[in-house]
Amino acid sequence: MREMKTMKQLSAFLSALVLLAMVPALSLAQEFPRRDSSMVFTPSNPNLIQKTSYEPFHNAWGVDIMLSNFGFGAGGFYRHEFSDLLSGFVQLAVSDVKDDGEVEYINPYNGQSYTPYKINRLLLIPVTFGVQYRLFRDDIVDNFRPYISAGLGPSMIFVSPYSNPEVITLPEGTFTYYNQIDFFTSLKKGQLRYTLGGYIGAGAYFGIEKGSLTGISVRYYFVPYQPGIESLQGTRIKRFGGFFITLNFGSLY
C-alpha cells in the first residue's frame, strides 16, 4: 500500500512538471501568431507603372496646291475638329483666271509669250469659311477618310493690266497694237474687285493621324461678279471659279 501511494505521488509530480513545461509554449503561441507565408511584390520605383490616355488631334493647318484648266494656284487652311464627323475650316487661295477664248503664242523673234487681244491679268482670291462632314466613319479604316465639304465667304478679284492697246493709223487702214506690260510692273497698277463666293467639294485624307495631314479633293468654286471684268478686249467675265483639283499638306496639333 505504501508503494502504491508512492507511485501516485510520483505520477502527480510528473503531471505537474508537464503542465508547467507547456505554459510558456502556450503563452508564446498567443503572443506570436503565425504569419501568412505568401509574398507581396512591391516595385522599387513607384512610377514604374503609369496610366496613360490617348488625346486625338483636333486642329490642323497647312497648304493647298490647286490645279485647274487655267493653271496652278496655291493657298492655306486652318481646320478645327468639332467631333469625329464634323469639322470647320477657313481657307485662303490664290489662282489664275483666264477667258475660255485665250490662246497663248510664242513670239519667234524674241521668244516671249503673248496672248492676242488680252488686256488684263486676273487673279481670284477667295476667303472661304465652311464645314467638312466625314463619310463612312464606321465602315472604312482610318487611313482613308472621305468627306464632303462646302463653304462661303468674301472673294477678291485682282485686276492688273496685261497690255496697253494702241491704235495706229496707216494708209492701209487702222490697226490696234497691244504693247505687253511686264508682270511685276503690272502688279503695281493692279486694283481689287470684291464679291461673294463659295464652293462645294469632296475629298479624302490618307494615312494614320500621327501629326501630319495629306489629302486630295475636288472643288467647284462659284464666284459671280455681275459688272464683269475684261480679260480679252470686248469680252467680260461675269462668273469666276470652276473645277479645281486640290492637294492638301499639313500638320495636326
C-alpha atoms as a PDB file:
ATOM      1  CA  MET A   1       0.000   0.000   0.000  1.00  0.00           C
ATOM      2  CA  ARG A   2       2.818   2.252   0.834  1.00  0.00           C
ATOM      3  CA  GLU A   3       4.392   1.562  -2.595  1.00  0.00           C
ATOM      4  CA  MET A   4       1.156   2.337  -4.413  1.00  0.00           C
ATOM      5  CA  LYS A   5       0.859   5.641  -2.555  1.00  0.00           C
ATOM      6  CA  THR A   6       4.395   6.474  -3.547  1.00  0.00           C
ATOM      7  CA  MET A   7       3.621   5.725  -7.239  1.00  0.00           C
ATOM      8  CA  LYS A   8       0.573   8.007  -7.170  1.00  0.00           C
ATOM      9  CA  GLN A   9       2.590  10.838  -5.678  1.00  0.00           C
ATOM     10  CA  LEU A  10       5.278  10.373  -8.359  1.00  0.00           C
ATOM     11  CA  SER A  11       2.677  10.348 -11.137  1.00  0.00           C
ATOM     12  CA  ALA A  12       1.074  13.544  -9.803  1.00  0.00           C
ATOM     13  CA  PHE A  13       4.505  15.200  -9.616  1.00  0.00           C
ATOM     14  CA  LEU A  14       5.315  14.279 -13.241  1.00  0.00           C
ATOM     15  CA  SER A  15       1.943  15.582 -14.442  1.00  0.00           C
ATOM     16  CA  ALA A  16       2.596  18.893 -12.722  1.00  0.00           C
ATOM     17  CA  LEU A  17       6.007  19.177 -14.408  1.00  0.00           C
ATOM     18  CA  VAL A  18       4.445  18.557 -17.841  1.00  0.00           C
ATOM     19  CA  LEU A  19       1.843  21.259 -17.232  1.00  0.00           C
ATOM     20  CA  LEU A  20       4.492  23.717 -16.109  1.00  0.00           C
ATOM     21  CA  ALA A  21       6.512  22.989 -19.254  1.00  0.00           C
ATOM     22  CA  MET A  22       3.504  23.620 -21.535  1.00  0.00           C
ATOM     23  CA  VAL A  23       2.591  27.008 -20.057  1.00  0.00           C
ATOM     24  CA  PRO A  24       5.464  29.000 -21.747  1.00  0.00           C
ATOM     25  CA  ALA A  25       4.755  27.383 -25.124  1.00  0.00           C
ATOM     26  CA  LEU A  26       1.069  28.296 -24.919  1.00  0.00           C
ATOM     27  CA  SER A  27       1.865  31.868 -23.957  1.00  0.00           C
ATOM     28  CA  LEU A  28       4.343  32.209 -26.884  1.00  0.00           C
ATOM     29  CA  ALA A  29       1.726  30.878 -29.289  1.00  0.00           C
ATOM     30  CA  GLN A  30      -0.672  33.607 -28.112  1.00  0.00           C
ATOM     31  CA  GLU A  31       1.939  36.389 -28.278  1.00  0.00           C
ATOM     32  CA  PHE A  32       3.346  35.448 -31.732  1.00  0.00           C
ATOM     33  CA  PRO A  33       0.559  34.314 -34.044  1.00  0.00           C
ATOM     34  CA  ARG A  34       1.508  32.581 -37.309  1.00  0.00           C
ATOM     35  CA  ARG A  35       2.199  34.954 -40.206  1.00  0.00           C
ATOM     36  CA  ASP A  36       0.947  34.496 -43.760  1.00  0.00           C
ATOM     37  CA  SER A  37       3.745  32.996 -45.833  1.00  0.00           C
ATOM     38  CA  SER A  38       2.529  34.460 -49.190  1.00  0.00           C
ATOM     39  CA  MET A  39       4.859  37.031 -50.885  1.00  0.00           C
ATOM     40  CA  VAL A  40       3.644  40.529 -51.853  1.00  0.00           C
ATOM     41  CA  PHE A  41       5.525  42.306 -54.719  1.00  0.00           C
ATOM     42  CA  THR A  42       6.182  45.984 -54.209  1.00  0.00           C
ATOM     43  CA  PRO A  43       8.023  47.771 -57.081  1.00  0.00           C
ATOM     44  CA  SER A  44      11.176  49.579 -56.100  1.00  0.00           C
ATOM     45  CA  ASN A  45      10.160  52.524 -58.334  1.00  0.00           C
ATOM     46  CA  PRO A  46       6.630  53.805 -57.563  1.00  0.00           C
ATOM     47  CA  ASN A  47       6.434  55.326 -61.100  1.00  0.00           C
ATOM     48  CA  LEU A  48       7.219  52.020 -62.812  1.00  0.00           C
ATOM     49  CA  ILE A  49       3.564  51.522 -63.779  1.00  0.00           C
ATOM     50  CA  GLN A  50       1.746  54.608 -65.053  1.00  0.00           C
ATOM     51  CA  LYS A  51      -1.634  55.151 -66.608  1.00  0.00           C
ATOM     52  CA  THR A  52      -1.654  56.897 -69.997  1.00  0.00           C
ATOM     53  CA  SER A  53      -4.549  58.288 -72.042  1.00  0.00           C
ATOM     54  CA  TYR A  54      -4.715  58.986 -75.821  1.00  0.00           C
ATOM     55  CA  GLU A  55      -5.675  62.522 -76.814  1.00  0.00           C
ATOM     56  CA  PRO A  56      -6.562  62.836 -80.524  1.00  0.00           C
ATOM     57  CA  PHE A  57      -5.533  65.910 -82.511  1.00  0.00           C
ATOM     58  CA  HIS A  58      -8.324  68.451 -83.015  1.00  0.00           C
ATOM     59  CA  ASN A  59      -6.586  71.176 -85.048  1.00  0.00           C
ATOM     60  CA  ALA A  60      -4.730  71.259 -88.344  1.00  0.00           C
ATOM     61  CA  TRP A  61      -3.118  73.832 -90.611  1.00  0.00           C
ATOM     62  CA  GLY A  62      -1.306  73.547 -93.913  1.00  0.00           C
ATOM     63  CA  VAL A  63      -1.053  74.476 -97.588  1.00  0.00           C
ATOM     64  CA  ASP A  64      -3.116  73.694-100.684  1.00  0.00           C
ATOM     65  CA  ILE A  65      -1.758  73.178-104.196  1.00  0.00           C
ATOM     66  CA  MET A  66      -4.507  73.778-106.753  1.00  0.00           C
ATOM     67  CA  LEU A  67      -4.779  72.721-110.383  1.00  0.00           C
ATOM     68  CA  SER A  68      -7.414  73.847-112.882  1.00  0.00           C
ATOM     69  CA  ASN A  69      -7.874  74.340-116.613  1.00  0.00           C
ATOM     70  CA  PHE A  70      -6.293  77.787-116.233  1.00  0.00           C
ATOM     71  CA  GLY A  71      -3.116  76.679-114.465  1.00  0.00           C
ATOM     72  CA  PHE A  72      -1.880  76.404-110.897  1.00  0.00           C
ATOM     73  CA  GLY A  73      -2.943  78.034-107.679  1.00  0.00           C
ATOM     74  CA  ALA A  74      -1.936  77.924-104.032  1.00  0.00           C
ATOM     75  CA  GLY A  75      -3.406  78.616-100.637  1.00  0.00           C
ATOM     76  CA  GLY A  76      -3.512  77.818 -96.968  1.00  0.00           C
ATOM     77  CA  PHE A  77      -6.045  76.476 -94.480  1.00  0.00           C
ATOM     78  CA  TYR A  78      -6.874  76.070 -90.801  1.00  0.00           C
ATOM     79  CA  ARG A  79      -9.202  73.281 -89.647  1.00  0.00           C
ATOM     80  CA  HIS A  80     -10.783  72.508 -86.264  1.00  0.00           C
ATOM     81  CA  GLU A  81     -12.477  69.196 -85.484  1.00  0.00           C
ATOM     82  CA  PHE A  82     -15.711  69.560 -83.505  1.00  0.00           C
ATOM     83  CA  SER A  83     -16.417  65.807 -83.418  1.00  0.00           C
ATOM     84  CA  ASP A  84     -15.415  62.600 -85.184  1.00  0.00           C
ATOM     85  CA  LEU A  85     -17.732  63.561 -88.058  1.00  0.00           C
ATOM     86  CA  LEU A  86     -17.863  67.358 -88.255  1.00  0.00           C
ATOM     87  CA  SER A  87     -15.064  69.900 -88.752  1.00  0.00           C
ATOM     88  CA  GLY A  88     -14.934  73.600 -89.502  1.00  0.00           C
ATOM     89  CA  PHE A  89     -12.307  75.380 -91.602  1.00  0.00           C
ATOM     90  CA  VAL A  90     -11.137  78.661 -93.051  1.00  0.00           C
ATOM     91  CA  GLN A  91      -9.184  78.799 -96.329  1.00  0.00           C
ATOM     92  CA  LEU A  92      -7.369  81.402 -98.389  1.00  0.00           C
ATOM     93  CA  ALA A  93      -6.475  80.672-102.023  1.00  0.00           C
ATOM     94  CA  VAL A  94      -4.939  82.473-104.995  1.00  0.00           C
ATOM     95  CA  SER A  95      -5.417  81.218-108.556  1.00  0.00           C
ATOM     96  CA  ASP A  96      -5.089  82.496-112.095  1.00  0.00           C
ATOM     97  CA  VAL A  97      -8.186  83.358-114.142  1.00  0.00           C
ATOM     98  CA  LYS A  98      -8.379  83.231-117.931  1.00  0.00           C
ATOM     99  CA  ASP A  99     -11.052  83.629-120.539  1.00  0.00           C
ATOM    100  CA  ASP A 100     -12.064  80.463-122.381  1.00  0.00           C
ATOM    101  CA  GLY A 101     -11.061  82.105-125.655  1.00  0.00           C
ATOM    102  CA  GLU A 102      -7.486  82.899-124.642  1.00  0.00           C
ATOM    103  CA  VAL A 103      -4.742  81.292-126.739  1.00  0.00           C
ATOM    104  CA  GLU A 104      -1.094  81.832-125.873  1.00  0.00           C
ATOM    105  CA  TYR A 105       1.563  82.125-128.573  1.00  0.00           C
ATOM    106  CA  ILE A 106       5.343  82.391-128.611  1.00  0.00           C
ATOM    107  CA  ASN A 107       6.941  85.268-130.485  1.00  0.00           C
ATOM    108  CA  PRO A 108       9.533  83.612-132.781  1.00  0.00           C
ATOM    109  CA  TYR A 109      11.732  86.746-132.803  1.00  0.00           C
ATOM    110  CA  ASN A 110      12.228  87.302-129.056  1.00  0.00           C
ATOM    111  CA  GLY A 111      10.877  84.050-127.514  1.00  0.00           C
ATOM    112  CA  GLN A 112       8.336  85.972-125.417  1.00  0.00           C
ATOM    113  CA  SER A 113       4.853  84.526-124.897  1.00  0.00           C
ATOM    114  CA  TYR A 114       1.828  86.647-125.675  1.00  0.00           C
ATOM    115  CA  THR A 115      -1.960  86.329-125.899  1.00  0.00           C
ATOM    116  CA  PRO A 116      -3.674  88.281-128.687  1.00  0.00           C
ATOM    117  CA  TYR A 117      -6.323  90.810-127.595  1.00  0.00           C
ATOM    118  CA  LYS A 118      -5.609  90.217-123.881  1.00  0.00           C
ATOM    119  CA  ILE A 119      -5.738  93.455-121.896  1.00  0.00           C
ATOM    120  CA  ASN A 120      -5.952  92.369-118.222  1.00  0.00           C
ATOM    121  CA  ARG A 121      -4.372  89.788-115.910  1.00  0.00           C
ATOM    122  CA  LEU A 122      -6.842  88.388-113.372  1.00  0.00           C
ATOM    123  CA  LEU A 123      -6.240  86.634-110.058  1.00  0.00           C
ATOM    124  CA  LEU A 124      -9.039  85.104-107.986  1.00  0.00           C
ATOM    125  CA  ILE A 125      -8.504  85.344-104.194  1.00  0.00           C
ATOM    126  CA  PRO A 126     -11.353  83.682-102.250  1.00  0.00           C
ATOM    127  CA  VAL A 127     -11.547  83.525 -98.459  1.00  0.00           C
ATOM    128  CA  THR A 128     -13.820  80.644 -97.504  1.00  0.00           C
ATOM    129  CA  PHE A 129     -15.421  79.634 -94.195  1.00  0.00           C
ATOM    130  CA  GLY A 130     -17.012  76.212 -94.264  1.00  0.00           C
ATOM    131  CA  VAL A 131     -17.615  72.754 -92.847  1.00  0.00           C
ATOM    132  CA  GLN A 132     -16.433  69.226 -93.607  1.00  0.00           C
ATOM    133  CA  TYR A 133     -18.501  66.107 -92.915  1.00  0.00           C
ATOM    134  CA  ARG A 134     -16.738  62.758 -92.737  1.00  0.00           C
ATOM    135  CA  LEU A 135     -18.330  59.847 -94.591  1.00  0.00           C
ATOM    136  CA  PHE A 136     -18.461  56.142 -93.661  1.00  0.00           C
ATOM    137  CA  ARG A 137     -16.830  56.680 -90.257  1.00  0.00           C
ATOM    138  CA  ASP A 138     -17.655  53.170 -89.019  1.00  0.00           C
ATOM    139  CA  ASP A 139     -17.276  51.338 -92.335  1.00  0.00           C
ATOM    140  CA  ILE A 140     -13.803  52.361 -93.579  1.00  0.00           C
ATOM    141  CA  VAL A 141     -10.451  52.126 -91.804  1.00  0.00           C
ATOM    142  CA  ASP A 142      -8.890  55.346 -90.513  1.00  0.00           C
ATOM    143  CA  ASN A 143      -6.087  55.501 -93.091  1.00  0.00           C
ATOM    144  CA  PHE A 144      -8.685  56.526 -95.712  1.00  0.00           C
ATOM    145  CA  ARG A 145     -11.088  59.244 -94.526  1.00  0.00           C
ATOM    146  CA  PRO A 146     -13.501  60.521 -97.227  1.00  0.00           C
ATOM    147  CA  TYR A 147     -15.549  63.670 -96.682  1.00  0.00           C
ATOM    148  CA  ILE A 148     -17.789  66.251 -98.314  1.00  0.00           C
ATOM    149  CA  SER A 149     -17.355  69.973 -97.770  1.00  0.00           C
ATOM    150  CA  ALA A 150     -18.938  73.321 -98.522  1.00  0.00           C
ATOM    151  CA  GLY A 151     -18.009  76.905 -97.802  1.00  0.00           C
ATOM    152  CA  LEU A 152     -18.910  80.540 -98.349  1.00  0.00           C
ATOM    153  CA  GLY A 153     -17.083  83.814 -97.951  1.00  0.00           C
ATOM    154  CA  PRO A 154     -15.785  87.061 -99.440  1.00  0.00           C
ATOM    155  CA  SER A 155     -13.825  86.842-102.686  1.00  0.00           C
ATOM    156  CA  MET A 156     -11.445  89.316-104.273  1.00  0.00           C
ATOM    157  CA  ILE A 157     -10.501  89.630-107.940  1.00  0.00           C
ATOM    158  CA  PHE A 158      -7.164  91.311-108.572  1.00  0.00           C
ATOM    159  CA  VAL A 159      -7.075  93.108-111.920  1.00  0.00           C
ATOM    160  CA  SER A 160      -3.778  94.289-113.392  1.00  0.00           C
ATOM    161  CA  PRO A 161      -3.078  95.478-116.957  1.00  0.00           C
ATOM    162  CA  TYR A 162      -1.618  92.946-119.376  1.00  0.00           C
ATOM    163  CA  SER A 163      -1.113  95.316-122.279  1.00  0.00           C
ATOM    164  CA  ASN A 164      -1.753  98.825-123.486  1.00  0.00           C
ATOM    165  CA  PRO A 165      -3.822  98.864-126.679  1.00  0.00           C
ATOM    166  CA  GLU A 166      -2.538 101.487-129.098  1.00  0.00           C
ATOM    167  CA  VAL A 167      -4.438 102.482-132.224  1.00  0.00           C
ATOM    168  CA  ILE A 168      -2.154 103.004-135.215  1.00  0.00           C
ATOM    169  CA  THR A 169      -3.406 104.639-138.391  1.00  0.00           C
ATOM    170  CA  LEU A 170      -1.671 103.695-141.598  1.00  0.00           C
ATOM    171  CA  PRO A 171      -2.522 104.338-145.246  1.00  0.00           C
ATOM    172  CA  GLU A 172      -3.746 100.767-145.432  1.00  0.00           C
ATOM    173  CA  GLY A 173      -6.126 101.330-142.539  1.00  0.00           C
ATOM    174  CA  THR A 174      -6.350 101.461-138.746  1.00  0.00           C
ATOM    175  CA  PHE A 175      -4.692  98.811-136.577  1.00  0.00           C
ATOM    176  CA  THR A 176      -4.627  98.137-132.838  1.00  0.00           C
ATOM    177  CA  TYR A 177      -1.238  97.261-131.394  1.00  0.00           C
ATOM    178  CA  TYR A 178      -1.073  95.656-127.927  1.00  0.00           C
ATOM    179  CA  ASN A 179       2.066  96.703-126.091  1.00  0.00           C
ATOM    180  CA  GLN A 180       2.605  93.998-123.444  1.00  0.00           C
ATOM    181  CA  ILE A 181       3.386  95.149-119.875  1.00  0.00           C
ATOM    182  CA  ASP A 182       5.898  93.337-117.689  1.00  0.00           C
ATOM    183  CA  PHE A 183       4.284  91.166-114.993  1.00  0.00           C
ATOM    184  CA  PHE A 184       5.852  92.900-111.975  1.00  0.00           C
ATOM    185  CA  THR A 185       5.228  96.332-113.452  1.00  0.00           C
ATOM    186  CA  SER A 186       1.558  95.470-113.966  1.00  0.00           C
ATOM    187  CA  LEU A 187       1.180  94.384-110.322  1.00  0.00           C
ATOM    188  CA  LYS A 188       1.903  97.948-109.203  1.00  0.00           C
ATOM    189  CA  LYS A 189      -1.048  99.128-111.277  1.00  0.00           C
ATOM    190  CA  GLY A 190      -3.469  96.444-110.081  1.00  0.00           C
ATOM    191  CA  GLN A 191      -6.829  97.002-108.404  1.00  0.00           C
ATOM    192  CA  LEU A 192      -9.145  94.788-106.342  1.00  0.00           C
ATOM    193  CA  ARG A 193     -12.790  93.968-107.036  1.00  0.00           C
ATOM    194  CA  TYR A 194     -14.923  92.495-104.241  1.00  0.00           C
ATOM    195  CA  THR A 195     -17.748  89.981-104.348  1.00  0.00           C
ATOM    196  CA  LEU A 196     -19.162  86.926-102.540  1.00  0.00           C
ATOM    197  CA  GLY A 197     -18.406  83.333-103.498  1.00  0.00           C
ATOM    198  CA  GLY A 198     -18.237  79.768-102.294  1.00  0.00           C
ATOM    199  CA  TYR A 199     -17.592  76.189-103.259  1.00  0.00           C
ATOM    200  CA  ILE A 200     -18.762  72.617-102.807  1.00  0.00           C
ATOM    201  CA  GLY A 201     -16.435  69.646-102.910  1.00  0.00           C
ATOM    202  CA  ALA A 202     -15.461  66.158-101.866  1.00  0.00           C
ATOM    203  CA  GLY A 203     -12.171  64.559-100.970  1.00  0.00           C
ATOM    204  CA  ALA A 204     -10.269  62.268 -98.644  1.00  0.00           C
ATOM    205  CA  TYR A 205      -7.366  62.288 -96.227  1.00  0.00           C
ATOM    206  CA  PHE A 206      -4.802  59.493 -96.291  1.00  0.00           C
ATOM    207  CA  GLY A 207      -2.601  57.800 -93.706  1.00  0.00           C
ATOM    208  CA  ILE A 208      -2.796  57.396 -89.949  1.00  0.00           C
ATOM    209  CA  GLU A 209      -3.144  60.626 -87.977  1.00  0.00           C
ATOM    210  CA  LYS A 210       0.311  60.961 -86.377  1.00  0.00           C
ATOM    211  CA  GLY A 211       0.993  64.660 -86.626  1.00  0.00           C
ATOM    212  CA  SER A 212       0.773  65.049 -90.424  1.00  0.00           C
ATOM    213  CA  LEU A 213      -2.130  65.539 -92.815  1.00  0.00           C
ATOM    214  CA  THR A 214      -2.200  64.550 -96.505  1.00  0.00           C
ATOM    215  CA  GLY A 215      -5.234  64.602 -98.772  1.00  0.00           C
ATOM    216  CA  ILE A 216      -6.784  65.346-102.135  1.00  0.00           C
ATOM    217  CA  SER A 217     -10.098  66.951-103.061  1.00  0.00           C
ATOM    218  CA  VAL A 218     -12.173  68.153-105.994  1.00  0.00           C
ATOM    219  CA  ARG A 219     -13.877  71.531-105.605  1.00  0.00           C
ATOM    220  CA  TYR A 220     -16.220  73.600-107.703  1.00  0.00           C
ATOM    221  CA  TYR A 221     -15.875  77.342-106.989  1.00  0.00           C
ATOM    222  CA  PHE A 222     -18.715  79.678-107.894  1.00  0.00           C
ATOM    223  CA  VAL A 223     -17.833  83.402-107.713  1.00  0.00           C
ATOM    224  CA  PRO A 224     -20.276  85.693-109.559  1.00  0.00           C
ATOM    225  CA  TYR A 225     -19.374  89.290-110.423  1.00  0.00           C
ATOM    226  CA  GLN A 226     -22.207  90.901-112.330  1.00  0.00           C
ATOM    227  CA  PRO A 227     -20.429  94.011-113.706  1.00  0.00           C
ATOM    228  CA  GLY A 228     -17.934  91.683-115.373  1.00  0.00           C
ATOM    229  CA  ILE A 229     -14.209  92.198-115.987  1.00  0.00           C
ATOM    230  CA  GLU A 230     -12.425  92.183-119.324  1.00  0.00           C
ATOM    231  CA  SER A 231      -9.633  89.688-119.819  1.00  0.00           C
ATOM    232  CA  LEU A 232      -9.810  89.791-123.606  1.00  0.00           C
ATOM    233  CA  GLN A 233     -10.803  93.097-125.141  1.00  0.00           C
ATOM    234  CA  GLY A 234     -14.552  93.271-125.674  1.00  0.00           C
ATOM    235  CA  THR A 235     -15.306  90.136-123.599  1.00  0.00           C
ATOM    236  CA  ARG A 236     -16.352  90.412-119.967  1.00  0.00           C
ATOM    237  CA  ILE A 237     -16.127  87.555-117.472  1.00  0.00           C
ATOM    238  CA  LYS A 238     -19.044  87.535-115.024  1.00  0.00           C
ATOM    239  CA  ARG A 239     -18.599  84.119-113.423  1.00  0.00           C
ATOM    240  CA  PHE A 240     -15.280  83.152-111.920  1.00  0.00           C
ATOM    241  CA  GLY A 241     -14.147  79.867-110.461  1.00  0.00           C
ATOM    242  CA  GLY A 242     -14.686  76.416-111.883  1.00  0.00           C
ATOM    243  CA  PHE A 243     -13.343  72.976-111.046  1.00  0.00           C
ATOM    244  CA  PHE A 244     -10.130  72.604-109.066  1.00  0.00           C
ATOM    245  CA  ILE A 245      -8.145  69.542-108.034  1.00  0.00           C
ATOM    246  CA  THR A 246      -6.512  70.339-104.716  1.00  0.00           C
ATOM    247  CA  LEU A 247      -3.655  68.605-102.880  1.00  0.00           C
ATOM    248  CA  ASN A 248      -3.523  69.171 -99.111  1.00  0.00           C
ATOM    249  CA  PHE A 249      -0.372  69.029 -96.973  1.00  0.00           C
ATOM    250  CA  GLY A 250      -0.498  69.987 -93.318  1.00  0.00           C
ATOM    251  CA  SER A 251       0.232  69.336 -89.669  1.00  0.00           C
ATOM    252  CA  LEU A 252      -2.028  68.212 -86.833  1.00  0.00           C
ATOM    253  CA  TYR A 253      -1.816  69.528 -83.304  1.00  0.00           C
END
